[in-house]
């Protein structure tokens, strides 16, 4: 009983905080960002299915920053995770100072077409759109700001 109360207290305490990580946008750091987010999700008792969906989204979105925001250079990216209530959800914000790019502006791929017939690109963002409960983009003060929300 004591351990359950402690775990509940820790979870409730964590919900009042925002966690943030600023890191170089490199391929190697995708795993670091994913581990950072997973640690926070585990504190919340996030179901495995939701965690895997968030992990896929992080891989896609942080990967886009790596490949497009500063190419061929390397720049920093900030990953912020916040907890929202009613319903319980995590909001993950990815921020970079790279080239302005709205990944949501492109039309969704026609998934009824075969891979050979379909245009290259856009499938990863499409999967993120379908697996998250909300996704938004804004360019503000020289920063790309992309937010995803996953109800847990």
Protein backbone atom coordinates (compact mmCIF):
# COMPACT_ATOMS: atom_id res chain seq x y z
CA UNK A 1 0.00 0.00 0.00
CA UNK A 2 2.82 2.41 0.82
CA UNK A 3 4.49 1.86 -2.56
CA UNK A 4 1.18 2.44 -4.40
CA UNK A 5 0.60 5.67 -2.47
CA UNK A 6 4.14 6.79 -3.20
CA UNK A 7 3.75 6.00 -6.90
CA UNK A 8 0.44 7.89 -7.04
CA UNK A 9 1.94 10.87 -5.21
CA UNK A 10 4.94 10.89 -7.54
CA UNK A 11 2.67 10.71 -10.60
CA UNK A 12 0.47 13.55 -9.33
CA UNK A 13 3.52 15.65 -8.45
CA UNK A 14 5.01 15.07 -11.91
CA UNK A 15 1.79 16.24 -13.59
CA UNK A 16 2.37 19.76 -12.31
CA UNK A 17 5.72 20.04 -14.05
CA UNK A 18 6.97 20.61 -17.54
CA UNK A 19 10.11 18.81 -18.68
CA UNK A 20 12.39 20.10 -21.40
CA UNK A 21 15.46 18.87 -23.24
CA UNK A 22 17.59 20.92 -25.63
CA UNK A 23 19.92 18.84 -27.74
CA UNK A 24 21.75 18.88 -31.07
CA UNK A 25 19.49 17.73 -33.90
CA UNK A 26 21.47 14.68 -35.02
CA UNK A 27 20.48 11.16 -36.02
CA UNK A 28 22.20 9.73 -32.94
CA UNK A 29 20.11 11.95 -30.68
CA UNK A 30 16.78 10.55 -31.89
CA UNK A 31 17.31 7.71 -29.42
CA UNK A 32 18.19 10.18 -26.64
CA UNK A 33 15.02 12.20 -27.28
CA UNK A 34 12.89 9.05 -27.40
CA UNK A 35 14.35 7.84 -24.08
CA UNK A 36 13.70 11.28 -22.52
CA UNK A 37 10.05 11.20 -23.62
CA UNK A 38 9.59 7.54 -22.64
CA UNK A 39 10.88 8.23 -19.14
CA UNK A 40 8.22 10.91 -18.69
CA UNK A 41 5.49 8.67 -20.14
CA UNK A 42 6.44 5.87 -17.77
CA UNK A 43 6.03 8.24 -14.80
CA UNK A 44 2.45 8.71 -15.94
CA UNK A 45 1.72 5.02 -16.38
CA UNK A 46 1.17 5.54 -20.09
CA UNK A 47 -0.25 2.47 -21.88
CA UNK A 48 2.30 0.72 -24.10
CA UNK A 49 0.24 1.27 -27.28
CA UNK A 50 0.17 5.03 -26.73
CA UNK A 51 3.89 5.06 -25.87
CA UNK A 52 4.76 3.25 -29.10
CA UNK A 53 2.63 5.71 -31.09
CA UNK A 54 4.42 8.62 -29.42
CA UNK A 55 7.80 6.98 -30.09
CA UNK A 56 6.99 6.65 -33.80
CA UNK A 57 5.91 10.30 -33.87
CA UNK A 58 9.12 11.43 -32.12
CA UNK A 59 11.23 9.41 -34.57
CA UNK A 60 9.47 11.01 -37.54
CA UNK A 61 9.30 14.59 -36.25
CA UNK A 62 12.77 14.80 -34.71
CA UNK A 63 14.11 13.02 -37.79
CA UNK A 64 12.59 15.76 -39.96
CA UNK A 65 14.38 18.40 -37.88
CA UNK A 66 17.64 16.47 -38.29
CA UNK A 67 17.28 16.16 -42.07
CA UNK A 68 15.71 19.48 -43.02
CA UNK A 69 15.96 22.22 -40.40
CA UNK A 70 19.69 22.94 -40.52
CA UNK A 71 20.97 20.79 -43.40
CA UNK A 72 23.89 20.45 -43.98
CA UNK A 73 24.76 21.98 -40.61
CA UNK A 74 23.69 20.90 -37.13
CA UNK A 75 21.59 23.04 -34.82
CA UNK A 76 19.77 22.67 -31.56
CA UNK A 77 16.24 21.42 -31.02
CA UNK A 78 14.17 21.62 -27.88
CA UNK A 79 11.72 18.92 -26.87
CA UNK A 80 9.19 19.94 -24.23
CA UNK A 81 6.72 17.57 -22.61
CA UNK A 82 3.75 18.74 -20.57
CA UNK A 83 0.89 16.92 -18.92
CA UNK A 84 -2.69 18.08 -19.40
CA UNK A 85 -5.77 17.00 -17.48
CA UNK A 86 -9.34 16.22 -18.52
CA UNK A 87 -8.59 14.08 -20.40
CA UNK A 88 -5.15 13.05 -19.23
CA UNK A 89 -2.80 13.76 -22.12
CA UNK A 90 0.79 14.61 -22.94
CA UNK A 91 1.65 17.53 -25.16
CA UNK A 92 5.05 17.27 -26.76
CA UNK A 93 6.45 20.37 -28.41
CA UNK A 94 9.44 20.29 -30.77
CA UNK A 95 11.14 23.62 -31.39
CA UNK A 96 13.98 24.48 -33.75
CA UNK A 97 15.49 27.62 -35.27
CA UNK A 98 15.99 26.06 -38.67
CA UNK A 99 14.51 26.77 -42.07
CA UNK A 100 10.78 27.54 -41.76
CA UNK A 101 8.85 24.41 -42.71
CA UNK A 102 5.24 23.43 -42.02
CA UNK A 103 5.02 19.64 -42.42
CA UNK A 104 1.23 19.85 -42.09
CA UNK A 105 0.83 22.06 -45.17
CA UNK A 106 1.42 19.24 -47.64
CA UNK A 107 -1.62 17.23 -48.68
CA UNK A 108 -1.93 13.75 -47.21
CA UNK A 109 -0.67 10.97 -49.47
CA UNK A 110 -3.22 8.90 -51.34
CA UNK A 111 -2.78 5.65 -49.45
CA UNK A 112 -5.07 3.85 -51.88
CA UNK A 113 -2.34 4.07 -54.51
CA UNK A 114 0.45 1.51 -54.61
CA UNK A 115 3.89 2.54 -53.35
CA UNK A 116 5.08 2.79 -56.96
CA UNK A 117 2.23 5.14 -57.93
CA UNK A 118 2.35 7.32 -54.82
CA UNK A 119 4.49 10.46 -54.58
CA UNK A 120 7.57 10.11 -52.40
CA UNK A 121 7.31 11.73 -48.98
CA UNK A 122 4.56 12.60 -46.58
CA UNK A 123 3.74 9.13 -45.30
CA UNK A 124 5.52 9.63 -41.96
CA UNK A 125 3.68 12.86 -41.16
CA UNK A 126 0.44 11.19 -42.27
CA UNK A 127 1.04 8.38 -39.74
CA UNK A 128 1.72 10.95 -37.02
CA UNK A 129 -1.52 12.80 -37.87
CA UNK A 130 -3.49 9.56 -37.67
CA UNK A 131 -1.97 8.33 -34.39
CA UNK A 132 -1.99 11.58 -32.38
CA UNK A 133 -5.08 13.24 -30.96
CA UNK A 134 -3.96 16.67 -32.13
CA UNK A 135 -1.07 18.14 -34.09
CA UNK A 136 -0.31 21.77 -34.83
CA UNK A 137 2.46 23.87 -36.34
CA UNK A 138 3.39 27.52 -36.12
CA UNK A 139 6.39 29.60 -37.10
CA UNK A 140 6.94 32.28 -34.50
CA UNK A 141 9.91 34.48 -33.58
CA UNK A 142 12.21 32.61 -35.97
CA UNK A 143 11.22 29.19 -34.62
CA UNK A 144 9.44 26.17 -36.02
CA UNK A 145 7.07 25.00 -33.27
CA UNK A 146 5.33 21.67 -33.76
CA UNK A 147 3.02 20.26 -31.08
CA UNK A 148 1.51 16.84 -30.76
CA UNK A 149 -1.05 15.77 -28.20
CA UNK A 150 -1.71 12.19 -27.18
CA UNK A 151 -4.50 11.32 -24.77
CA UNK A 152 -3.42 8.63 -22.35
